[in-house]
Amino acid sequence: MRMQVKSVAGFDSYNYHFKGISSFWGPVTSSHEWCEKNYTYSSYVAEFYNTISNVPCILLALIGLLSSLLQRFEKRFSVLHLSNMALALGSVMYHATLQHVQQQSDETPMVWEMLLYIYILYSPDWHYRSTMPTFLFLYGISFAVLHSIIRFDIGFKLHYIMLCLLCIPRMYKYYIHTQDIAAKRLAKFYFATLLIGGVCWLGDRFWCGRISRWPVNPQGHALWHVFMGFNSYFANTFLMFCRAQQREWNPKVVRFLGVLPYVKIDKRKRE
């Protein structure tokens, strides 16, 4: 067994290479690593749990995409679900390789996704229809180019938080103007998964030195991925309900197999 010591977020963590297993991707070049031993199960996957924990997000986004396409929702929601899938796939590449380029494939879709949320949240009241999507598109492309040239760290986090904060007032406005109890429950699930996932992220990021001494690592960052997969699904479903109400499509929240909520619409009354 070989052991390599590295410093991550102010503490020493350990990469173990069992039975000759070593890094297929070479030295770590990403700006962040997480509280998980690298290459424990395969030479092709650096952080195993952080990689596979993106699967629920991909599956939930696929379910949302199928619901959007089959019921002929506006294309913006199909793009939104696809962006969730792209983000999860980028996260898979990042955590599997811990390479800088793959880290960008995780972080850039995060910004693109928030720009989509801003468009969906604010576009109903935007009088100049072509101006807003054009600006957001150019903003997203400019960020991607700049992000490929300059390594952001704290700047990226602050930028992402700013985009998230722009969404909160509008989400709250939609919540207080929604009378449907099942739809309001979606918004509550959205907030709860965000809160719990955030606690998992913070614990994994800042208390890894203590957590690594526990008998079992709870894999806080992997749990963050799972909770954020559900968070995105609940947010998308709630916004689909609100948009269907705006279009007078008689939406209602129903449950697939009695478990997973989705929005069912009836356009006939409108058409």
C-alpha atoms as a PDB file:
ATOM      1  CA  MET A   1       0.000   0.000   0.000  1.00  0.00           C
ATOM      2  CA  ARG A   2       1.277   3.464  -0.925  1.00  0.00           C
ATOM      3  CA  MET A   3       0.159   6.568   0.908  1.00  0.00           C
ATOM      4  CA  GLN A   4       0.348  10.107  -0.402  1.00  0.00           C
ATOM      5  CA  VAL A   5      -0.326  13.056   1.910  1.00  0.00           C
ATOM      6  CA  LYS A   6      -1.924  16.222   0.610  1.00  0.00           C
ATOM      7  CA  SER A   7      -3.436  19.320   2.143  1.00  0.00           C
ATOM      8  CA  VAL A   8      -7.124  20.014   1.541  1.00  0.00           C
ATOM      9  CA  ALA A   9      -9.081  22.904   3.072  1.00  0.00           C
ATOM     10  CA  GLY A  10      -6.714  23.344   5.985  1.00  0.00           C
ATOM     11  CA  PHE A  11      -6.339  19.706   7.030  1.00  0.00           C
ATOM     12  CA  ASP A  12      -4.313  16.704   5.947  1.00  0.00           C
ATOM     13  CA  SER A  13      -6.175  14.010   4.054  1.00  0.00           C
ATOM     14  CA  TYR A  14      -4.858  10.779   2.659  1.00  0.00           C
ATOM     15  CA  ASN A  15      -5.013   9.138  -0.748  1.00  0.00           C
ATOM     16  CA  TYR A  16      -4.704   5.403  -0.446  1.00  0.00           C
ATOM     17  CA  HIS A  17      -3.734   3.159  -3.353  1.00  0.00           C
ATOM     18  CA  PHE A  18      -4.723  -0.424  -2.596  1.00  0.00           C
ATOM     19  CA  LYS A  19      -3.415  -3.510  -4.383  1.00  0.00           C
ATOM     20  CA  GLY A  20      -1.479  -1.507  -6.923  1.00  0.00           C
ATOM     21  CA  ILE A  21      -4.402   0.799  -7.724  1.00  0.00           C
ATOM     22  CA  SER A  22      -3.103   4.199  -8.832  1.00  0.00           C
ATOM     23  CA  SER A  23      -4.388   7.325 -10.490  1.00  0.00           C
ATOM     24  CA  PHE A  24      -5.303   6.909 -14.162  1.00  0.00           C
ATOM     25  CA  TRP A  25      -5.786  10.675 -14.514  1.00  0.00           C
ATOM     26  CA  GLY A  26      -2.463  11.766 -13.073  1.00  0.00           C
ATOM     27  CA  PRO A  27      -1.815  14.413 -10.409  1.00  0.00           C
ATOM     28  CA  VAL A  28      -4.756  16.387  -9.053  1.00  0.00           C
ATOM     29  CA  THR A  29      -5.099  19.753 -10.811  1.00  0.00           C
ATOM     30  CA  SER A  30      -8.537  20.848  -9.550  1.00  0.00           C
ATOM     31  CA  SER A  31      -8.670  23.649  -7.000  1.00  0.00           C
ATOM     32  CA  HIS A  32     -10.780  21.591  -4.586  1.00  0.00           C
ATOM     33  CA  GLU A  33     -10.929  18.059  -3.292  1.00  0.00           C
ATOM     34  CA  TRP A  34     -13.472  16.650  -0.884  1.00  0.00           C
ATOM     35  CA  CYS A  35     -13.568  14.497   2.210  1.00  0.00           C
ATOM     36  CA  GLU A  36     -13.213  11.142   0.456  1.00  0.00           C
ATOM     37  CA  LYS A  37     -10.179   8.924  -0.065  1.00  0.00           C
ATOM     38  CA  ASN A  38      -9.119   8.969  -3.694  1.00  0.00           C
ATOM     39  CA  TYR A  39      -8.968   5.919  -5.978  1.00  0.00           C
ATOM     40  CA  THR A  40     -10.223   3.516  -3.330  1.00  0.00           C
ATOM     41  CA  TYR A  41     -12.191   1.309  -5.724  1.00  0.00           C
ATOM     42  CA  SER A  42     -10.852   2.041  -9.185  1.00  0.00           C
ATOM     43  CA  SER A  43      -7.943   3.759 -10.872  1.00  0.00           C
ATOM     44  CA  TYR A  44     -10.486   5.500 -13.151  1.00  0.00           C
ATOM     45  CA  VAL A  45     -12.609   7.096 -10.394  1.00  0.00           C
ATOM     46  CA  ALA A  46     -10.940   9.465  -7.936  1.00  0.00           C
ATOM     47  CA  GLU A  47     -13.886  10.106  -5.620  1.00  0.00           C
ATOM     48  CA  PHE A  48     -16.227   7.134  -5.945  1.00  0.00           C
ATOM     49  CA  TYR A  49     -19.194   8.234  -3.825  1.00  0.00           C
ATOM     50  CA  ASN A  50     -19.042  11.821  -5.039  1.00  0.00           C
ATOM     51  CA  THR A  51     -19.185  10.464  -8.587  1.00  0.00           C
ATOM     52  CA  ILE A  52     -22.036   7.943  -8.361  1.00  0.00           C
ATOM     53  CA  SER A  53     -24.157  10.257  -6.183  1.00  0.00           C
ATOM     54  CA  ASN A  54     -24.945  12.282  -9.316  1.00  0.00           C
ATOM     55  CA  VAL A  55     -27.036   9.436 -10.724  1.00  0.00           C
ATOM     56  CA  PRO A  56     -30.271  10.453  -8.885  1.00  0.00           C
ATOM     57  CA  CYS A  57     -29.995  13.963 -10.348  1.00  0.00           C
ATOM     58  CA  ILE A  58     -29.658  12.552 -13.870  1.00  0.00           C
ATOM     59  CA  LEU A  59     -32.644  10.225 -13.419  1.00  0.00           C
ATOM     60  CA  LEU A  60     -34.853  12.927 -11.897  1.00  0.00           C
ATOM     61  CA  ALA A  61     -33.930  15.360 -14.667  1.00  0.00           C
ATOM     62  CA  LEU A  62     -34.788  12.673 -17.228  1.00  0.00           C
ATOM     63  CA  ILE A  63     -38.196  12.156 -15.609  1.00  0.00           C
ATOM     64  CA  GLY A  64     -38.808  15.905 -15.645  1.00  0.00           C
ATOM     65  CA  LEU A  65     -37.711  16.109 -19.289  1.00  0.00           C
ATOM     66  CA  LEU A  66     -40.096  13.333 -20.331  1.00  0.00           C
ATOM     67  CA  SER A  67     -42.963  14.984 -18.462  1.00  0.00           C
ATOM     68  CA  SER A  68     -42.194  18.301 -20.164  1.00  0.00           C
ATOM     69  CA  LEU A  69     -41.946  16.795 -23.641  1.00  0.00           C
ATOM     70  CA  LEU A  70     -44.960  14.487 -23.412  1.00  0.00           C
ATOM     71  CA  GLN A  71     -47.226  17.263 -22.148  1.00  0.00           C
ATOM     72  CA  ARG A  72     -45.762  19.844 -24.549  1.00  0.00           C
ATOM     73  CA  PHE A  73     -44.618  22.348 -21.954  1.00  0.00           C
ATOM     74  CA  GLU A  74     -42.701  25.324 -23.240  1.00  0.00           C
ATOM     75  CA  LYS A  75     -39.213  24.509 -24.496  1.00  0.00           C
ATOM     76  CA  ARG A  76     -37.626  26.488 -21.680  1.00  0.00           C
ATOM     77  CA  PHE A  77     -38.467  23.651 -19.275  1.00  0.00           C
ATOM     78  CA  SER A  78     -36.987  20.979 -21.528  1.00  0.00           C
ATOM     79  CA  VAL A  79     -33.801  23.061 -21.695  1.00  0.00           C
ATOM     80  CA  LEU A  80     -33.870  23.462 -17.913  1.00  0.00           C
ATOM     81  CA  HIS A  81     -34.087  19.711 -17.325  1.00  0.00           C
ATOM     82  CA  LEU A  82     -31.325  19.144 -19.866  1.00  0.00           C
ATOM     83  CA  SER A  83     -29.181  21.688 -18.031  1.00  0.00           C
ATOM     84  CA  ASN A  84     -29.684  19.717 -14.806  1.00  0.00           C
ATOM     85  CA  MET A  85     -28.461  16.604 -16.600  1.00  0.00           C
ATOM     86  CA  ALA A  86     -25.474  18.467 -18.059  1.00  0.00           C
ATOM     87  CA  LEU A  87     -24.557  19.769 -14.616  1.00  0.00           C
ATOM     88  CA  ALA A  88     -24.721  16.283 -13.110  1.00  0.00           C
ATOM     89  CA  LEU A  89     -22.608  14.823 -15.929  1.00  0.00           C
ATOM     90  CA  GLY A  90     -20.073  17.611 -15.456  1.00  0.00           C
ATOM     91  CA  SER A  91     -19.959  16.791 -11.757  1.00  0.00           C
ATOM     92  CA  VAL A  92     -19.361  13.129 -12.617  1.00  0.00           C
ATOM     93  CA  MET A  93     -16.355  14.072 -14.749  1.00  0.00           C
ATOM     94  CA  TYR A  94     -14.998  16.427 -12.104  1.00  0.00           C
ATOM     95  CA  HIS A  95     -15.164  14.017  -9.182  1.00  0.00           C
ATOM     96  CA  ALA A  96     -14.013  11.059 -11.245  1.00  0.00           C
ATOM     97  CA  THR A  97     -10.868  12.842 -12.438  1.00  0.00           C
ATOM     98  CA  LEU A  98     -10.166  15.794 -10.093  1.00  0.00           C
ATOM     99  CA  GLN A  99      -8.775  17.654 -13.083  1.00  0.00           C
ATOM    100  CA  HIS A 100      -9.057  21.410 -13.637  1.00  0.00           C
ATOM    101  CA  VAL A 101     -10.734  21.170 -17.047  1.00  0.00           C
ATOM    102  CA  GLN A 102     -13.343  18.747 -15.708  1.00  0.00           C
ATOM    103  CA  GLN A 103     -13.900  21.045 -12.732  1.00  0.00           C
ATOM    104  CA  GLN A 104     -14.837  23.753 -15.220  1.00  0.00           C
ATOM    105  CA  SER A 105     -17.312  21.314 -16.816  1.00  0.00           C
ATOM    106  CA  ASP A 106     -19.002  21.228 -13.420  1.00  0.00           C
ATOM    107  CA  GLU A 107     -18.821  24.917 -12.503  1.00  0.00           C
ATOM    108  CA  THR A 108     -19.757  26.482 -15.854  1.00  0.00           C
ATOM    109  CA  PRO A 109     -23.071  24.542 -16.119  1.00  0.00           C
ATOM    110  CA  MET A 110     -23.848  25.687 -12.568  1.00  0.00           C
ATOM    111  CA  VAL A 111     -23.824  29.296 -13.789  1.00  0.00           C
ATOM    112  CA  TRP A 112     -25.734  28.445 -16.977  1.00  0.00           C
ATOM    113  CA  GLU A 113     -28.406  26.697 -14.926  1.00  0.00           C
ATOM    114  CA  MET A 114     -28.889  29.731 -12.688  1.00  0.00           C
ATOM    115  CA  LEU A 115     -29.204  31.976 -15.758  1.00  0.00           C
ATOM    116  CA  LEU A 116     -31.983  29.689 -16.981  1.00  0.00           C
ATOM    117  CA  TYR A 117     -33.750  29.966 -13.629  1.00  0.00           C
ATOM    118  CA  ILE A 118     -33.476  33.754 -13.793  1.00  0.00           C
ATOM    119  CA  TYR A 119     -35.003  33.728 -17.277  1.00  0.00           C
ATOM    120  CA  ILE A 120     -37.894  31.439 -16.279  1.00  0.00           C
ATOM    121  CA  LEU A 121     -38.606  33.382 -13.100  1.00  0.00           C
ATOM    122  CA  TYR A 122     -38.520  36.892 -14.561  1.00  0.00           C
ATOM    123  CA  SER A 123     -39.504  36.486 -18.218  1.00  0.00           C
ATOM    124  CA  PRO A 124     -43.312  36.593 -17.660  1.00  0.00           C
ATOM    125  CA  ASP A 125     -43.048  40.252 -16.624  1.00  0.00           C
ATOM    126  CA  TRP A 126     -40.317  41.234 -19.076  1.00  0.00           C
ATOM    127  CA  HIS A 127     -41.768  43.532 -21.724  1.00  0.00           C
ATOM    128  CA  TYR A 128     -38.945  43.259 -24.259  1.00  0.00           C
ATOM    129  CA  ARG A 129     -39.032  39.538 -25.030  1.00  0.00           C
ATOM    130  CA  SER A 130     -35.851  39.251 -27.068  1.00  0.00           C
ATOM    131  CA  THR A 131     -33.659  41.457 -24.870  1.00  0.00           C
ATOM    132  CA  MET A 132     -33.549  39.291 -21.767  1.00  0.00           C
ATOM    133  CA  PRO A 133     -32.698  35.914 -23.372  1.00  0.00           C
ATOM    134  CA  THR A 134     -30.130  37.594 -25.626  1.00  0.00           C
ATOM    135  CA  PHE A 135     -28.417  39.256 -22.670  1.00  0.00           C
ATOM    136  CA  LEU A 136     -28.430  36.059 -20.577  1.00  0.00           C
ATOM    137  CA  PHE A 137     -27.104  34.008 -23.498  1.00  0.00           C
ATOM    138  CA  LEU A 138     -24.226  36.420 -24.124  1.00  0.00           C
ATOM    139  CA  TYR A 139     -23.541  36.587 -20.392  1.00  0.00           C
ATOM    140  CA  GLY A 140     -23.338  32.781 -20.184  1.00  0.00           C
ATOM    141  CA  ILE A 141     -21.004  32.523 -23.182  1.00  0.00           C
ATOM    142  CA  SER A 142     -18.776  35.321 -21.853  1.00  0.00           C
ATOM    143  CA  PHE A 143     -18.530  33.644 -18.463  1.00  0.00           C
ATOM    144  CA  ALA A 144     -17.627  30.297 -20.033  1.00  0.00           C
ATOM    145  CA  VAL A 145     -14.825  31.862 -22.068  1.00  0.00           C
ATOM    146  CA  LEU A 146     -13.495  33.843 -19.117  1.00  0.00           C
ATOM    147  CA  HIS A 147     -13.743  30.843 -16.812  1.00  0.00           C
ATOM    148  CA  SER A 148     -11.694  28.756 -19.244  1.00  0.00           C
ATOM    149  CA  ILE A 149      -8.888  31.334 -19.102  1.00  0.00           C
ATOM    150  CA  ILE A 150      -8.891  32.470 -15.468  1.00  0.00           C
ATOM    151  CA  ARG A 151      -9.033  30.239 -12.410  1.00  0.00           C
ATOM    152  CA  PHE A 152     -11.804  31.476 -10.151  1.00  0.00           C
ATOM    153  CA  ASP A 153     -12.138  30.319  -6.571  1.00  0.00           C
ATOM    154  CA  ILE A 154     -13.711  32.698  -4.078  1.00  0.00           C
ATOM    155  CA  GLY A 155     -14.801  34.854  -7.016  1.00  0.00           C
ATOM    156  CA  PHE A 156     -16.735  31.955  -8.541  1.00  0.00           C
ATOM    157  CA  LYS A 157     -18.501  31.196  -5.256  1.00  0.00           C
ATOM    158  CA  LEU A 158     -19.483  34.832  -4.723  1.00  0.00           C
ATOM    159  CA  HIS A 159     -20.701  35.092  -8.303  1.00  0.00           C
ATOM    160  CA  TYR A 160     -22.781  31.926  -7.984  1.00  0.00           C
ATOM    161  CA  ILE A 161     -24.272  33.058  -4.655  1.00  0.00           C
ATOM    162  CA  MET A 162     -25.208  36.377  -6.252  1.00  0.00           C
ATOM    163  CA  LEU A 163     -27.091  34.581  -9.041  1.00  0.00           C
ATOM    164  CA  CYS A 164     -28.885  32.406  -6.470  1.00  0.00           C
ATOM    165  CA  LEU A 165     -29.895  35.458  -4.443  1.00  0.00           C
ATOM    166  CA  LEU A 166     -31.430  37.026  -7.545  1.00  0.00           C
ATOM    167  CA  CYS A 167     -33.816  34.058  -7.740  1.00  0.00           C
ATOM    168  CA  ILE A 168     -34.995  34.043  -4.124  1.00  0.00           C
ATOM    169  CA  PRO A 169     -37.344  37.097  -4.159  1.00  0.00           C
ATOM    170  CA  ARG A 170     -39.112  35.823  -7.267  1.00  0.00           C
ATOM    171  CA  MET A 171     -39.445  32.280  -5.919  1.00  0.00           C
ATOM    172  CA  TYR A 172     -40.951  33.707  -2.740  1.00  0.00           C
ATOM    173  CA  LYS A 173     -43.387  35.823  -4.760  1.00  0.00           C
ATOM    174  CA  TYR A 174     -44.530  32.736  -6.678  1.00  0.00           C
ATOM    175  CA  TYR A 175     -44.915  30.845  -3.398  1.00  0.00           C
ATOM    176  CA  ILE A 176     -47.114  33.423  -1.677  1.00  0.00           C
ATOM    177  CA  HIS A 177     -49.306  33.808  -4.782  1.00  0.00           C
ATOM    178  CA  THR A 178     -49.850  30.054  -5.144  1.00  0.00           C
ATOM    179  CA  GLN A 179     -52.971  28.796  -3.422  1.00  0.00           C
ATOM    180  CA  ASP A 180     -52.649  25.123  -4.315  1.00  0.00           C
ATOM    181  CA  ILE A 181     -51.526  23.189  -1.221  1.00  0.00           C
ATOM    182  CA  ALA A 182     -49.699  20.465  -3.163  1.00  0.00           C
ATOM    183  CA  ALA A 183     -47.786  23.060  -5.174  1.00  0.00           C
ATOM    184  CA  LYS A 184     -46.828  24.946  -2.018  1.00  0.00           C
ATOM    185  CA  ARG A 185     -45.568  21.649  -0.616  1.00  0.00           C
ATOM    186  CA  LEU A 186     -43.215  21.373  -3.600  1.00  0.00           C
ATOM    187  CA  ALA A 187     -41.739  24.756  -2.691  1.00  0.00           C
ATOM    188  CA  LYS A 188     -41.307  23.624   0.918  1.00  0.00           C
ATOM    189  CA  PHE A 189     -39.533  20.453  -0.240  1.00  0.00           C
ATOM    190  CA  TYR A 190     -37.314  22.660  -2.392  1.00  0.00           C
ATOM    191  CA  PHE A 191     -36.315  24.753   0.617  1.00  0.00           C
ATOM    192  CA  ALA A 192     -35.862  21.736   2.924  1.00  0.00           C
ATOM    193  CA  THR A 193     -33.594  19.851   0.511  1.00  0.00           C
ATOM    194  CA  LEU A 194     -31.548  23.005  -0.052  1.00  0.00           C
ATOM    195  CA  LEU A 195     -31.116  23.513   3.695  1.00  0.00           C
ATOM    196  CA  ILE A 196     -30.213  19.887   4.489  1.00  0.00           C
ATOM    197  CA  GLY A 197     -27.941  19.615   1.466  1.00  0.00           C
ATOM    198  CA  GLY A 198     -26.204  22.833   2.449  1.00  0.00           C
ATOM    199  CA  VAL A 199     -25.472  21.460   5.928  1.00  0.00           C
ATOM    200  CA  CYS A 200     -23.981  18.319   4.340  1.00  0.00           C
ATOM    201  CA  TRP A 201     -21.814  20.445   2.012  1.00  0.00           C
ATOM    202  CA  LEU A 202     -20.524  22.639   4.829  1.00  0.00           C
ATOM    203  CA  GLY A 203     -19.757  19.669   7.066  1.00  0.00           C
ATOM    204  CA  ASP A 204     -17.812  17.866   4.355  1.00  0.00           C
ATOM    205  CA  ARG A 205     -15.941  21.014   3.353  1.00  0.00           C
ATOM    206  CA  PHE A 206     -14.940  22.454   6.710  1.00  0.00           C
ATOM    207  CA  TRP A 207     -14.981  19.582   9.229  1.00  0.00           C
ATOM    208  CA  CYS A 208     -13.330  16.835   7.220  1.00  0.00           C
ATOM    209  CA  GLY A 209     -10.424  16.607   9.682  1.00  0.00           C
ATOM    210  CA  ARG A 210     -12.854  15.548  12.397  1.00  0.00           C
ATOM    211  CA  ILE A 211     -15.112  13.485  10.142  1.00  0.00           C
ATOM    212  CA  SER A 212     -12.177  11.483   8.771  1.00  0.00           C
ATOM    213  CA  ARG A 213     -11.578  10.143  12.291  1.00  0.00           C
ATOM    214  CA  TRP A 214     -15.099   8.756  12.552  1.00  0.00           C
ATOM    215  CA  PRO A 215     -15.583   4.989  12.082  1.00  0.00           C
ATOM    216  CA  VAL A 216     -17.760   5.691   9.022  1.00  0.00           C
ATOM    217  CA  ASN A 217     -17.499   8.674   6.694  1.00  0.00           C
ATOM    218  CA  PRO A 218     -21.068   9.960   6.057  1.00  0.00           C
ATOM    219  CA  GLN A 219     -19.946  11.266   2.627  1.00  0.00           C
ATOM    220  CA  GLY A 220     -21.433  14.700   3.080  1.00  0.00           C
ATOM    221  CA  HIS A 221     -20.608  15.934  -0.404  1.00  0.00           C
ATOM    222  CA  ALA A 222     -22.223  12.871  -1.960  1.00  0.00           C
ATOM    223  CA  LEU A 223     -25.336  13.530   0.139  1.00  0.00           C
ATOM    224  CA  TRP A 224     -25.245  17.127  -1.131  1.00  0.00           C
ATOM    225  CA  HIS A 225     -25.443  15.784  -4.690  1.00  0.00           C
ATOM    226  CA  VAL A 226     -28.446  13.605  -3.833  1.00  0.00           C
ATOM    227  CA  PHE A 227     -30.323  16.357  -2.014  1.00  0.00           C
ATOM    228  CA  MET A 228     -29.579  18.866  -4.770  1.00  0.00           C
ATOM    229  CA  GLY A 229     -30.863  16.422  -7.367  1.00  0.00           C
ATOM    230  CA  PHE A 230     -34.205  16.401  -5.561  1.00  0.00           C
ATOM    231  CA  ASN A 231     -33.908  20.143  -4.947  1.00  0.00           C
ATOM    232  CA  SER A 232     -33.638  20.849  -8.670  1.00  0.00           C
ATOM    233  CA  TYR A 233     -36.523  18.493  -9.426  1.00  0.00           C
ATOM    234  CA  PHE A 234     -38.812  20.138  -6.852  1.00  0.00           C
ATOM    235  CA  ALA A 235     -37.846  23.615  -8.069  1.00  0.00           C
ATOM    236  CA  ASN A 236     -38.487  22.697 -11.709  1.00  0.00           C
ATOM    237  CA  THR A 237     -41.811  21.049 -10.915  1.00  0.00           C
ATOM    238  CA  PHE A 238     -42.971  24.022  -8.863  1.00  0.00           C
ATOM    239  CA  LEU A 239     -42.031  26.443 -11.649  1.00  0.00           C
ATOM    240  CA  MET A 240     -43.807  24.265 -14.207  1.00  0.00           C
ATOM    241  CA  PHE A 241     -46.947  24.461 -12.071  1.00  0.00           C
ATOM    242  CA  CYS A 242     -46.685  28.252 -11.750  1.00  0.00           C
ATOM    243  CA  ARG A 243     -46.124  28.692 -15.478  1.00  0.00           C
ATOM    244  CA  ALA A 244     -49.045  26.402 -16.304  1.00  0.00           C
ATOM    245  CA  GLN A 245     -51.222  28.548 -14.080  1.00  0.00           C
ATOM    246  CA  GLN A 246     -50.100  31.653 -15.948  1.00  0.00           C
ATOM    247  CA  ARG A 247     -51.029  29.961 -19.240  1.00  0.00           C
ATOM    248  CA  GLU A 248     -54.368  28.754 -17.783  1.00  0.00           C
ATOM    249  CA  TRP A 249     -53.585  25.086 -18.420  1.00  0.00           C
ATOM    250  CA  ASN A 250     -55.432  23.892 -15.301  1.00  0.00           C
ATOM    251  CA  PRO A 251     -52.372  22.333 -13.617  1.00  0.00           C
ATOM    252  CA  LYS A 252     -52.498  19.936 -10.710  1.00  0.00           C
ATOM    253  CA  VAL A 253     -49.807  18.092  -8.814  1.00  0.00           C
ATOM    254  CA  VAL A 254     -50.142  14.314  -9.032  1.00  0.00           C
ATOM    255  CA  ARG A 255     -47.782  11.529  -7.975  1.00  0.00           C
ATOM    256  CA  PHE A 256     -46.089   8.980 -10.183  1.00  0.00           C
ATOM    257  CA  LEU A 257     -46.614   5.532  -8.618  1.00  0.00           C
ATOM    258  CA  GLY A 258     -47.980   7.379  -5.607  1.00  0.00           C
ATOM    259  CA  VAL A 259     -44.534   8.751  -4.711  1.00  0.00           C
ATOM    260  CA  LEU A 260     -42.854  11.206  -7.078  1.00  0.00           C
ATOM    261  CA  PRO A 261     -44.820  14.432  -7.693  1.00  0.00           C
ATOM    262  CA  TYR A 262     -45.171  15.909 -11.153  1.00  0.00           C
ATOM    263  CA  VAL A 263     -47.438  18.463 -12.836  1.00  0.00           C
ATOM    264  CA  LYS A 264     -50.337  17.288 -14.967  1.00  0.00           C
ATOM    265  CA  ILE A 265     -51.940  19.870 -17.253  1.00  0.00           C
ATOM    266  CA  ASP A 266     -55.011  20.158 -19.445  1.00  0.00           C
ATOM    267  CA  LYS A 267     -54.600  22.543 -22.357  1.00  0.00           C
ATOM    268  CA  ARG A 268     -57.994  21.883 -23.896  1.00  0.00           C
ATOM    269  CA  LYS A 269     -59.757  24.511 -21.808  1.00  0.00           C
ATOM    270  CA  ARG A 270     -57.294  27.074 -23.102  1.00  0.00           C
ATOM    271  CA  GLU A 271     -57.388  26.021 -26.711  1.00  0.00           C
END
